[in-house]
């Protein structure tokens, strides 16, 4: 009887887990395995037949100057966006931590950028900063700050910084909310003891606050690195990778090769290289996080 109950329990558990497993297999494993397979073939979206070509697609992609330029742009895009999001989100969280009244209202207001779909945010900023009828460019001219209407999305000196600003504005609220939640877990008595010992606010922040929340911040950095490096819609909807490929990132490059040139083989090779790169970065991140967790446990 007991064995029968255990068997029924296992079957029931499997029935609950099976839908999630199927979703993962269909939406994750199948596309990944398909991309890996096509990266070793001559698959083209126009031609029905293809053959095995080995590492030819990888050699072709890695020797393409446009891919190398897109990769460096993605690195710069990710690093600048991450630094900006962490600084803004961290500062906002520390400021909210000091507010006693109306914290919920301020937190709700500051989380608004993250509450909207990215396509809405992207198209809104594209309208606000438009070089012809945009509100901010024309306001800068009326205030006398600029003599001519600034072209934020076509000027080579402004376009990349503008996109990074939009991405920081969009992603900082996520950092803020998570850091604020982590700050709530820091024992207040440690701050009191540090104050009695004569520690300055900066010393309390370095020796008390950071050790308690660095694992949370580290996980946020891992997630944001993956999301920002893979970001496609923000840049594509605003500039499409232009002007003159100055904002061309690896995801946009893969899209142009796969759907523009119909070269699914080379596009698959790009996505596999991107996967390998992000896996290596995540391994490095998790190694650092594991070290921090061991230090915190001691």
Protein backbone atom coordinates (compact mmCIF):
# COMPACT_ATOMS: atom_id res chain seq x y z
CA UNK A 1 0.00 0.00 0.00
CA UNK A 2 2.81 2.37 0.91
CA UNK A 3 4.69 1.52 -2.28
CA UNK A 4 1.55 2.19 -4.30
CA UNK A 5 1.12 5.62 -2.66
CA UNK A 6 4.75 6.49 -3.36
CA UNK A 7 4.31 5.44 -6.99
CA UNK A 8 1.17 7.57 -7.36
CA UNK A 9 2.97 10.48 -5.72
CA UNK A 10 5.85 10.23 -8.17
CA UNK A 11 3.48 10.05 -11.13
CA UNK A 12 1.59 13.10 -9.84
CA UNK A 13 4.81 15.04 -9.37
CA UNK A 14 5.91 14.11 -12.87
CA UNK A 15 2.60 15.32 -14.32
CA UNK A 16 3.10 18.71 -12.67
CA UNK A 17 6.71 19.03 -13.85
CA UNK A 18 6.19 17.67 -17.37
CA UNK A 19 4.55 20.83 -18.87
CA UNK A 20 7.46 23.00 -17.70
CA UNK A 21 9.95 20.49 -19.10
CA UNK A 22 8.15 20.48 -22.46
CA UNK A 23 8.19 24.28 -22.59
CA UNK A 24 11.93 24.34 -21.87
CA UNK A 25 12.60 21.69 -24.52
CA UNK A 26 10.47 23.39 -27.18
CA UNK A 27 11.44 27.00 -26.49
CA UNK A 28 15.07 26.58 -25.45
CA UNK A 29 16.74 23.28 -26.28
CA UNK A 30 15.24 22.87 -29.75
CA UNK A 31 16.28 26.34 -31.06
CA UNK A 32 19.74 26.01 -29.51
CA UNK A 33 20.33 22.55 -30.96
CA UNK A 34 18.98 23.66 -34.34
CA UNK A 35 21.30 26.70 -34.42
CA UNK A 36 24.29 24.56 -33.51
CA UNK A 37 23.42 22.06 -36.26
CA UNK A 38 22.87 24.72 -38.95
CA UNK A 39 26.13 26.46 -38.02
CA UNK A 40 27.98 23.45 -39.46
CA UNK A 41 26.00 23.41 -42.72
CA UNK A 42 25.43 25.61 -45.76
CA UNK A 43 21.78 26.25 -44.81
CA UNK A 44 20.20 29.11 -46.75
CA UNK A 45 16.65 30.41 -46.37
CA UNK A 46 16.17 30.47 -50.15
CA UNK A 47 17.76 27.15 -51.13
CA UNK A 48 15.98 24.01 -49.87
CA UNK A 49 19.08 21.80 -49.87
CA UNK A 50 22.24 22.19 -47.81
CA UNK A 51 25.38 20.26 -46.98
CA UNK A 52 27.83 19.84 -44.12
CA UNK A 53 30.68 22.40 -44.25
CA UNK A 54 32.36 21.92 -40.86
CA UNK A 55 33.86 25.06 -39.32
CA UNK A 56 33.70 27.11 -42.51
CA UNK A 57 30.93 29.35 -41.19
CA UNK A 58 32.86 30.11 -38.02
CA UNK A 59 35.98 30.97 -40.01
CA UNK A 60 33.90 33.20 -42.28
CA UNK A 61 32.26 35.04 -39.39
CA UNK A 62 35.44 35.49 -37.33
CA UNK A 63 37.27 36.90 -40.35
CA UNK A 64 34.48 39.37 -41.16
CA UNK A 65 35.46 42.94 -40.11
CA UNK A 66 31.78 43.81 -39.63
CA UNK A 67 31.37 41.05 -37.05
CA UNK A 68 34.47 42.14 -35.14
CA UNK A 69 33.24 45.74 -35.18
CA UNK A 70 29.78 44.64 -34.01
CA UNK A 71 31.36 42.56 -31.22
CA UNK A 72 33.40 45.50 -29.95
CA UNK A 73 30.30 47.71 -30.13
CA UNK A 74 28.36 45.13 -28.10
CA UNK A 75 31.12 45.08 -25.48
CA UNK A 76 31.09 48.87 -25.22
CA UNK A 77 27.29 48.95 -25.19
CA UNK A 78 27.11 46.36 -22.40
CA UNK A 79 29.85 47.82 -20.20
CA UNK A 80 28.63 51.43 -20.38
CA UNK A 81 24.99 50.42 -19.89
CA UNK A 82 25.83 48.20 -16.92
CA UNK A 83 27.97 50.83 -15.21
CA UNK A 84 25.29 53.46 -15.71
CA UNK A 85 22.44 51.23 -14.54
CA UNK A 86 24.30 50.11 -11.43
CA UNK A 87 25.36 53.64 -10.48
CA UNK A 88 21.91 55.15 -11.02
CA UNK A 89 20.03 52.20 -9.52
CA UNK A 90 22.37 51.94 -6.53
CA UNK A 91 22.18 55.68 -5.84
CA UNK A 92 18.39 55.68 -6.10
CA UNK A 93 18.14 52.68 -3.74
CA UNK A 94 20.40 54.34 -1.14
CA UNK A 95 18.35 57.53 -1.40
CA UNK A 96 15.06 55.68 -0.96
CA UNK A 97 16.51 53.82 2.02
CA UNK A 98 16.92 57.15 3.80
CA UNK A 99 13.36 58.29 3.07
CA UNK A 100 10.96 57.55 5.91
CA UNK A 101 7.69 58.89 4.52
CA UNK A 102 6.28 58.20 1.10
CA UNK A 103 8.88 55.59 0.19
CA UNK A 104 6.27 53.46 -1.57
CA UNK A 105 5.13 56.40 -3.71
CA UNK A 106 8.66 57.30 -4.78
CA UNK A 107 9.47 53.66 -5.47
CA UNK A 108 6.37 53.32 -7.65
CA UNK A 109 7.24 56.45 -9.61
CA UNK A 110 10.84 55.37 -10.17
CA UNK A 111 9.83 51.87 -11.31
CA UNK A 112 7.58 53.24 -14.08
CA UNK A 113 10.21 52.89 -16.87
CA UNK A 114 10.49 49.15 -16.13
CA UNK A 115 6.71 48.70 -16.04
CA UNK A 116 6.24 49.46 -19.74
CA UNK A 117 7.16 47.14 -22.63
CA UNK A 118 10.52 47.97 -24.16
CA UNK A 119 8.95 48.68 -27.55
CA UNK A 120 6.77 51.40 -25.99
CA UNK A 121 9.76 52.95 -24.22
CA UNK A 122 11.88 52.78 -27.37
CA UNK A 123 9.31 54.37 -29.66
CA UNK A 124 8.51 57.03 -27.06
CA UNK A 125 12.15 58.11 -26.84
CA UNK A 126 12.43 57.96 -30.63
CA UNK A 127 9.54 60.45 -30.81
CA UNK A 128 10.81 62.67 -27.96
CA UNK A 129 14.34 62.96 -29.42
CA UNK A 130 13.33 63.16 -33.09
CA UNK A 131 15.53 65.64 -34.95
CA UNK A 132 12.58 67.33 -36.68
CA UNK A 133 9.60 67.48 -34.33
CA UNK A 134 11.08 66.04 -31.11
CA UNK A 135 10.25 67.89 -27.90
CA UNK A 136 13.72 67.88 -26.33
CA UNK A 137 15.74 68.92 -29.44
CA UNK A 138 13.42 71.85 -30.13
CA UNK A 139 13.38 72.81 -26.45
CA UNK A 140 17.19 72.96 -26.42
CA UNK A 141 17.06 75.38 -29.37
CA UNK A 142 14.41 77.59 -27.73
CA UNK A 143 16.42 77.76 -24.50
CA UNK A 144 19.49 78.83 -26.47
CA UNK A 145 21.51 75.80 -25.42
CA UNK A 146 21.88 74.68 -29.06
CA UNK A 147 22.01 76.89 -32.14
CA UNK A 148 20.56 74.16 -34.36
CA UNK A 149 18.29 71.22 -33.64
CA UNK A 150 20.54 68.38 -32.39
CA UNK A 151 20.25 65.12 -34.32
CA UNK A 152 20.52 62.59 -31.52
CA UNK A 153 19.97 59.57 -33.76
CA UNK A 154 21.92 60.55 -36.88
CA UNK A 155 24.88 62.48 -35.47
CA UNK A 156 27.83 60.05 -35.13
CA UNK A 157 29.00 61.90 -32.02
CA UNK A 158 25.63 61.67 -30.23
CA UNK A 159 23.88 58.50 -31.35
CA UNK A 160 25.71 55.91 -29.25
CA UNK A 161 25.63 57.96 -26.06
CA UNK A 162 21.92 58.61 -26.60
CA UNK A 163 21.16 54.90 -26.91
CA UNK A 164 23.20 54.13 -23.78
CA UNK A 165 21.28 56.85 -21.90
CA UNK A 166 17.94 55.33 -22.95
CA UNK A 167 19.08 51.87 -21.87
CA UNK A 168 20.27 53.19 -18.50
CA UNK A 169 16.97 55.00 -17.98
CA UNK A 170 15.11 51.78 -18.79
CA UNK A 171 17.20 49.32 -16.77
CA UNK A 172 18.17 51.30 -13.64
CA UNK A 173 14.78 50.81 -11.89
CA UNK A 174 15.31 47.03 -11.82
CA UNK A 175 18.66 47.52 -10.09
CA UNK A 176 17.07 50.02 -7.70
CA UNK A 177 14.25 47.73 -6.58
CA UNK A 178 16.48 44.72 -6.00
CA UNK A 179 19.20 46.67 -4.20
CA UNK A 180 16.56 48.37 -2.04
CA UNK A 181 15.17 44.97 -1.08
CA UNK A 182 18.68 43.75 -0.24
CA UNK A 183 19.30 46.83 1.92
CA UNK A 184 16.31 45.87 4.07
CA UNK A 185 18.13 42.69 5.12
CA UNK A 186 21.21 44.47 6.52
CA UNK A 187 21.11 44.26 10.36
CA UNK A 188 20.57 47.76 11.78
CA UNK A 189 22.43 46.94 14.98
CA UNK A 190 25.66 46.68 12.99
CA UNK A 191 25.27 50.28 11.87
CA UNK A 192 24.67 51.31 15.47
CA UNK A 193 27.75 49.44 16.68
CA UNK A 194 29.86 50.97 13.91
CA UNK A 195 28.58 54.45 14.82
CA UNK A 196 29.50 53.92 18.47
CA UNK A 197 33.00 52.84 17.39
CA UNK A 198 33.37 56.07 15.44
CA UNK A 199 33.03 54.67 11.91
CA UNK A 200 32.21 57.20 9.20
CA UNK A 201 29.23 56.69 6.85
CA UNK A 202 31.65 55.70 4.08
CA UNK A 203 33.33 53.11 6.29
CA UNK A 204 29.94 51.69 7.31
CA UNK A 205 28.96 51.46 3.66
CA UNK A 206 32.18 49.67 2.66
CA UNK A 207 32.44 47.27 5.61
CA UNK A 208 28.75 46.63 6.42
CA UNK A 209 26.47 47.46 3.49
CA UNK A 210 28.53 46.12 0.59
CA UNK A 211 29.38 42.72 2.14
CA UNK A 212 25.68 42.07 2.82
CA UNK A 213 24.36 43.01 -0.62
CA UNK A 214 27.25 42.20 -2.97
CA UNK A 215 25.88 38.75 -3.85
CA UNK A 216 22.54 40.30 -4.86
CA UNK A 217 24.34 42.95 -6.90
CA UNK A 218 26.50 40.24 -8.46
CA UNK A 219 23.46 38.26 -9.58
CA UNK A 220 21.96 41.44 -11.02
CA UNK A 221 25.16 42.05 -12.95
CA UNK A 222 24.99 38.50 -14.37
CA UNK A 223 21.37 38.90 -15.48
CA UNK A 224 21.82 42.40 -16.86
CA UNK A 225 24.97 41.36 -18.75
CA UNK A 226 23.02 38.65 -20.55
CA UNK A 227 20.01 40.87 -21.22
CA UNK A 228 21.95 43.94 -22.34
CA UNK A 229 24.40 42.04 -24.54
CA UNK A 230 21.47 40.25 -26.20
CA UNK A 231 19.42 43.43 -26.47
CA UNK A 232 17.98 43.80 -29.95
CA UNK A 233 14.80 45.86 -29.95
CA UNK A 234 16.12 49.11 -28.42
CA UNK A 235 18.86 49.71 -30.97
CA UNK A 236 17.11 48.13 -33.95
CA UNK A 237 13.89 50.11 -33.56
CA UNK A 238 15.72 53.43 -33.19
CA UNK A 239 18.72 53.26 -35.53
CA UNK A 240 18.69 49.80 -37.09
CA UNK A 241 22.42 49.64 -36.41
CA UNK A 242 23.22 52.95 -38.12
CA UNK A 243 24.39 55.48 -38.91
CA UNK A 244 27.25 53.85 -40.83
CA UNK A 245 27.03 50.76 -38.57
CA UNK A 246 28.13 52.79 -35.52
CA UNK A 247 25.46 51.12 -33.40
CA UNK A 248 25.65 47.70 -35.01
CA UNK A 249 25.72 45.06 -32.26
CA UNK A 250 26.11 41.28 -32.54
CA UNK A 251 22.33 40.50 -32.34
CA UNK A 252 21.60 43.03 -35.11
CA UNK A 253 24.49 41.66 -37.18
CA UNK A 254 23.10 38.12 -36.78
CA UNK A 255 19.63 39.34 -37.79
CA UNK A 256 20.93 41.13 -40.90
CA UNK A 257 22.95 38.10 -41.99
CA UNK A 258 20.16 35.61 -41.31
CA UNK A 259 17.08 37.48 -42.50
CA UNK A 260 18.65 40.13 -44.72
CA UNK A 261 21.15 38.00 -46.62
CA UNK A 262 19.19 34.76 -45.96
CA UNK A 263 22.41 33.10 -44.73
CA UNK A 264 21.04 31.06 -41.87
CA UNK A 265 24.29 29.10 -41.65
CA UNK A 266 26.45 32.15 -40.86
CA UNK A 267 23.74 33.63 -38.65
CA UNK A 268 23.60 30.40 -36.63
CA UNK A 269 27.38 30.48 -36.23
CA UNK A 270 27.11 34.02 -34.85
CA UNK A 271 24.49 32.98 -32.29
CA UNK A 272 26.59 29.98 -31.20
CA UNK A 273 29.64 32.21 -30.75
CA UNK A 274 27.48 34.62 -28.75
CA UNK A 275 26.25 31.74 -26.58
CA UNK A 276 29.80 30.53 -25.91
CA UNK A 277 30.99 34.03 -25.03
CA UNK A 278 28.13 34.64 -22.57
CA UNK A 279 28.63 31.21 -20.99
CA UNK A 280 32.29 32.04 -20.37
CA UNK A 281 31.37 35.41 -18.88
CA UNK A 282 28.74 33.80 -16.64
CA UNK A 283 31.24 31.16 -15.48
CA UNK A 284 33.60 33.95 -14.44
CA UNK A 285 30.78 35.80 -12.68
CA UNK A 286 29.61 32.71 -10.81
CA UNK A 287 33.17 31.89 -9.75
CA UNK A 288 33.40 35.34 -8.16
CA UNK A 289 29.95 34.98 -6.57
CA UNK A 290 30.88 31.58 -5.15
CA UNK A 291 33.98 33.13 -3.59
CA UNK A 292 31.88 35.90 -2.03
CA UNK A 293 29.39 33.39 -0.63
CA UNK A 294 32.19 31.34 0.95
CA UNK A 295 33.66 34.47 2.49
CA UNK A 296 30.23 35.48 3.83
CA UNK A 297 29.71 32.05 5.38
CA UNK A 298 32.95 32.24 7.31
